[in-house]
């Protein structure tokens, strides 16, 4: 059964006053308006027929003042989205929600193991100063997570990776300072003076190394996508907290 639809001419001045229109869009985007398109010489919709009666069939018919060429062009446009295409499955993969949970747990576990190994290294090599640095590392991770929560951040896998990277950079700053202090002690200076001089001499070295990382993180945040932005945000926050920890030392 064919349902007759009365076609409205695009250039008709009364097109906006007619009710029950079935607008057939060529390339519809969010925000497109039929009222605005109807005023254009070449609107984005293919046709805007008026529904004359209830459609209860798969077959419909648009009638109106068409030449043979116009009718063929409209038929080609309407059928262009219904071409029969055979699809062949090459590869498929199904990932459940459990995969994300397992990956998160494994990443957190890896971060905890990395932190434990770093603390053990500091204890073995630097002993008492290493113990102090290990306590500062735990505090560093806690403060970073607290600040990240304050800005309503979501801790993703790239974010955890950036946090672990920040821990390594913070340890690097401690090692630079400790080595400078050891050099001052070997030179025969008292422990207090060796600490103060070693800390001052290592400050700008630490600042330079951290600042170059800040530049890289800012570039990643500006030009990166969502996950990359999350990595850059956590990395920037980690560096700021690292500077804060250095301020406590000095």
Protein backbone atom coordinates (compact mmCIF):
# COMPACT_ATOMS: atom_id res chain seq x y z
CA UNK A 1 0.00 0.00 0.00
CA UNK A 2 1.49 3.37 -1.03
CA UNK A 3 0.95 6.40 1.22
CA UNK A 4 0.74 9.69 -0.67
CA UNK A 5 2.86 12.52 0.76
CA UNK A 6 2.37 15.99 -0.68
CA UNK A 7 5.77 17.54 -1.42
CA UNK A 8 6.43 21.16 -0.41
CA UNK A 9 8.48 23.24 -2.79
CA UNK A 10 11.63 24.52 -1.08
CA UNK A 11 11.15 28.06 -2.33
CA UNK A 12 7.55 28.27 -1.12
CA UNK A 13 6.97 31.20 1.24
CA UNK A 14 4.38 29.21 3.19
CA UNK A 15 6.64 26.25 3.92
CA UNK A 16 7.05 27.25 7.58
CA UNK A 17 3.30 27.56 8.12
CA UNK A 18 2.48 24.01 7.09
CA UNK A 19 2.13 21.40 9.84
CA UNK A 20 2.95 17.69 9.93
CA UNK A 21 6.18 17.97 7.97
CA UNK A 22 8.55 15.03 7.55
CA UNK A 23 11.95 16.68 7.13
CA UNK A 24 14.46 14.40 5.37
CA UNK A 25 17.94 15.70 6.16
CA UNK A 26 20.98 15.20 3.98
CA UNK A 27 23.58 15.86 6.68
CA UNK A 28 22.03 16.80 10.00
CA UNK A 29 24.23 18.28 12.73
CA UNK A 30 23.29 19.22 16.26
CA UNK A 31 21.90 22.75 16.25
CA UNK A 32 20.56 22.65 12.66
CA UNK A 33 17.18 24.31 12.29
CA UNK A 34 14.58 23.59 9.62
CA UNK A 35 13.37 27.19 9.87
CA UNK A 36 16.85 28.52 9.13
CA UNK A 37 17.54 26.01 6.34
CA UNK A 38 14.18 26.63 4.65
CA UNK A 39 15.18 30.25 4.04
CA UNK A 40 18.31 29.20 2.14
CA UNK A 41 18.50 28.61 -1.60
CA UNK A 42 20.25 25.27 -1.07
CA UNK A 43 19.10 23.83 2.25
CA UNK A 44 20.77 20.83 3.91
CA UNK A 45 17.59 18.73 3.85
CA UNK A 46 16.58 16.64 0.85
CA UNK A 47 12.84 17.14 1.11
CA UNK A 48 10.17 18.34 3.53
CA UNK A 49 6.91 16.62 2.54
CA UNK A 50 3.67 17.03 4.44
CA UNK A 51 2.21 13.84 5.89
CA UNK A 52 -1.30 13.55 4.48
CA UNK A 53 -2.36 10.47 6.47
CA UNK A 54 -1.11 7.94 9.00
CA UNK A 55 1.88 5.93 7.83
CA UNK A 56 1.25 2.25 8.53
CA UNK A 57 3.33 0.70 5.78
CA UNK A 58 7.02 0.33 4.84
CA UNK A 59 6.32 1.83 1.40
CA UNK A 60 5.66 5.55 1.05
CA UNK A 61 5.40 7.89 -1.89
CA UNK A 62 6.33 11.54 -2.26
CA UNK A 63 4.31 13.36 -4.86
CA UNK A 64 4.78 16.86 -6.20
CA UNK A 65 5.87 19.04 -9.09
CA UNK A 66 9.07 17.24 -10.23
CA UNK A 67 10.83 16.84 -13.51
CA UNK A 68 12.15 13.38 -14.36
CA UNK A 69 15.70 14.53 -13.54
CA UNK A 70 14.69 15.95 -10.14
CA UNK A 71 12.78 12.78 -9.27
CA UNK A 72 15.79 10.58 -10.13
CA UNK A 73 18.15 12.79 -8.12
CA UNK A 74 15.90 12.67 -5.07
CA UNK A 75 15.47 8.91 -5.38
CA UNK A 76 19.27 8.50 -5.56
CA UNK A 77 19.75 10.66 -2.46
CA UNK A 78 17.09 8.81 -0.48
CA UNK A 79 18.51 5.41 -1.45
CA UNK A 80 22.15 6.36 -0.86
CA UNK A 81 21.89 5.47 2.81
CA UNK A 82 20.30 2.09 2.15
CA UNK A 83 22.80 0.43 -0.17
CA UNK A 84 23.19 -3.30 0.52
CA UNK A 85 26.77 -3.89 1.71
CA UNK A 86 28.15 -7.25 2.82
CA UNK A 87 30.27 -6.96 5.96
CA UNK A 88 33.03 -9.45 6.72
CA UNK A 89 34.28 -9.66 10.29
CA UNK A 90 38.08 -9.47 10.35
CA UNK A 91 38.69 -9.08 14.08
CA UNK A 92 36.61 -8.56 17.18
CA UNK A 93 37.48 -8.21 20.85
CA UNK A 94 35.20 -7.99 23.86
CA UNK A 95 36.40 -6.22 27.00
CA UNK A 96 34.34 -6.36 30.16
CA UNK A 97 34.29 -4.01 33.14
CA UNK A 98 36.35 -6.50 35.15
CA UNK A 99 39.32 -5.85 32.87
CA UNK A 100 39.48 -2.21 33.96
CA UNK A 101 39.18 -3.14 37.64
CA UNK A 102 41.97 -5.74 37.35
CA UNK A 103 44.22 -3.29 35.50
CA UNK A 104 43.63 -0.65 38.20
CA UNK A 105 44.46 -3.08 41.01
CA UNK A 106 47.59 -4.29 39.24
CA UNK A 107 48.75 -0.72 38.61
CA UNK A 108 48.20 0.29 42.24
CA UNK A 109 50.06 -2.85 43.36
CA UNK A 110 52.94 -2.05 41.01
CA UNK A 111 53.10 1.48 42.41
CA UNK A 112 53.21 0.20 46.00
CA UNK A 113 56.00 -2.26 45.13
CA UNK A 114 57.97 0.50 43.37
CA UNK A 115 57.62 2.79 46.40
CA UNK A 116 58.74 -0.01 48.75
CA UNK A 117 61.82 -0.77 46.61
CA UNK A 118 62.74 2.93 46.49
CA UNK A 119 62.44 3.25 50.27
CA UNK A 120 64.56 0.10 50.75
CA UNK A 121 67.23 1.51 48.44
CA UNK A 122 67.33 4.78 50.36
CA UNK A 123 67.61 2.94 53.69
CA UNK A 124 70.47 0.73 52.50
CA UNK A 125 72.50 3.46 50.82
CA UNK A 126 71.87 6.49 53.05
CA UNK A 127 70.69 4.89 56.33
CA UNK A 128 69.29 7.59 58.66
CA UNK A 129 68.88 10.24 55.94
CA UNK A 130 67.42 7.49 53.77
CA UNK A 131 64.87 6.73 56.50
CA UNK A 132 63.90 10.40 56.65
CA UNK A 133 63.61 10.47 52.85
CA UNK A 134 61.43 7.33 52.90
CA UNK A 135 59.05 8.98 55.36
CA UNK A 136 58.96 12.04 53.12
CA UNK A 137 58.18 9.82 50.11
CA UNK A 138 55.14 8.35 51.85
CA UNK A 139 54.03 11.84 52.86
CA UNK A 140 54.68 13.02 49.30
CA UNK A 141 52.35 10.39 47.83
CA UNK A 142 49.66 11.17 50.42
CA UNK A 143 49.83 14.95 49.88
CA UNK A 144 49.73 14.51 46.09
CA UNK A 145 46.63 12.31 46.24
CA UNK A 146 44.94 14.76 48.66
CA UNK A 147 45.60 17.72 46.37
CA UNK A 148 44.43 15.70 43.36
CA UNK A 149 41.20 14.94 45.21
CA UNK A 150 40.77 18.62 46.09
CA UNK A 151 40.66 19.55 42.39
CA UNK A 152 38.07 16.77 41.82
CA UNK A 153 40.47 14.74 39.69
CA UNK A 154 39.78 11.15 38.66
CA UNK A 155 42.73 8.84 39.27
CA UNK A 156 43.13 6.86 36.04
CA UNK A 157 45.86 4.46 34.94
CA UNK A 158 47.88 7.26 33.23
CA UNK A 159 47.46 9.32 36.40
CA UNK A 160 48.88 6.52 38.56
CA UNK A 161 51.79 6.20 36.12
CA UNK A 162 52.47 9.94 36.44
CA UNK A 163 52.35 9.65 40.25
CA UNK A 164 54.93 6.83 40.22
CA UNK A 165 57.10 8.88 37.84
CA UNK A 166 56.82 11.80 40.26
CA UNK A 167 58.00 9.58 43.12
CA UNK A 168 61.09 8.67 41.10
CA UNK A 169 61.79 12.33 40.36
CA UNK A 170 61.37 13.27 44.02
CA UNK A 171 63.84 10.54 45.03
CA UNK A 172 66.24 11.85 42.40
CA UNK A 173 66.12 15.25 44.11
CA UNK A 174 66.91 13.65 47.47
CA UNK A 175 69.84 11.71 46.01
CA UNK A 176 71.31 14.87 44.46
CA UNK A 177 71.09 16.67 47.79
CA UNK A 178 72.53 13.76 49.79
CA UNK A 179 75.49 13.39 47.45
CA UNK A 180 76.26 17.09 47.76
CA UNK A 181 76.10 16.81 51.57
CA UNK A 182 78.44 13.80 51.49
CA UNK A 183 80.91 15.81 49.39
CA UNK A 184 80.87 18.59 51.98
CA UNK A 185 81.42 16.10 54.81
CA UNK A 186 84.38 14.54 52.97
CA UNK A 187 85.84 18.02 52.58
CA UNK A 188 86.02 18.25 56.38
CA UNK A 189 83.11 20.59 57.11
CA UNK A 190 80.94 20.05 60.21
CA UNK A 191 77.71 18.12 59.64
CA UNK A 192 75.42 21.14 60.08
CA UNK A 193 77.44 23.33 57.70
CA UNK A 194 77.75 20.43 55.24
CA UNK A 195 73.98 20.00 55.26
CA UNK A 196 73.27 23.70 54.72
CA UNK A 197 75.89 24.13 51.98
CA UNK A 198 74.94 20.87 50.24
CA UNK A 199 71.26 21.79 50.28
CA UNK A 200 71.92 25.25 48.83
CA UNK A 201 74.21 23.92 46.10
CA UNK A 202 71.73 21.24 45.02
CA UNK A 203 68.69 23.54 45.02
CA UNK A 204 69.19 25.02 41.55
CA UNK A 205 70.19 21.68 40.04
CA UNK A 206 66.95 20.18 41.31
CA UNK A 207 64.98 23.23 40.14
CA UNK A 208 66.39 23.03 36.61
CA UNK A 209 65.62 19.33 36.24
CA UNK A 210 62.06 19.75 37.55
CA UNK A 211 61.39 22.88 35.48
CA UNK A 212 62.18 21.13 32.20
CA UNK A 213 59.68 18.43 33.15
CA UNK A 214 57.09 21.11 33.89
CA UNK A 215 57.51 22.45 30.35
CA UNK A 216 56.93 18.98 28.89
CA UNK A 217 53.87 18.43 31.10
CA UNK A 218 52.34 21.79 30.08
CA UNK A 219 52.79 20.94 26.38
CA UNK A 220 51.14 17.53 26.95
CA UNK A 221 48.22 19.19 28.76
CA UNK A 222 47.65 21.78 26.01
CA UNK A 223 47.91 19.50 22.99
CA UNK A 224 47.04 16.10 24.48
CA UNK A 225 43.76 14.21 24.54
CA UNK A 226 41.75 13.25 27.64
CA UNK A 227 44.01 10.47 28.98
CA UNK A 228 47.16 12.43 28.13
CA UNK A 229 45.73 15.49 29.91
CA UNK A 230 45.16 13.33 32.99
CA UNK A 231 48.77 12.17 32.90
CA UNK A 232 50.01 15.76 32.49
CA UNK A 233 47.79 17.04 35.33
CA UNK A 234 49.08 14.45 37.80
CA UNK A 235 52.66 15.02 36.66
CA UNK A 236 52.36 18.79 37.20
CA UNK A 237 50.80 18.27 40.60
CA UNK A 238 53.53 15.79 41.54
CA UNK A 239 56.23 18.30 40.63
CA UNK A 240 54.57 21.07 42.67
CA UNK A 241 54.34 18.79 45.70
CA UNK A 242 57.97 17.83 45.15
CA UNK A 243 58.91 21.51 45.31
CA UNK A 244 56.86 21.77 48.50
CA UNK A 245 58.80 18.87 50.03
CA UNK A 246 62.06 20.50 49.02
CA UNK A 247 60.87 23.68 50.78
CA UNK A 248 60.38 21.65 53.97
CA UNK A 249 63.94 20.34 53.67
CA UNK A 250 65.40 23.79 53.22
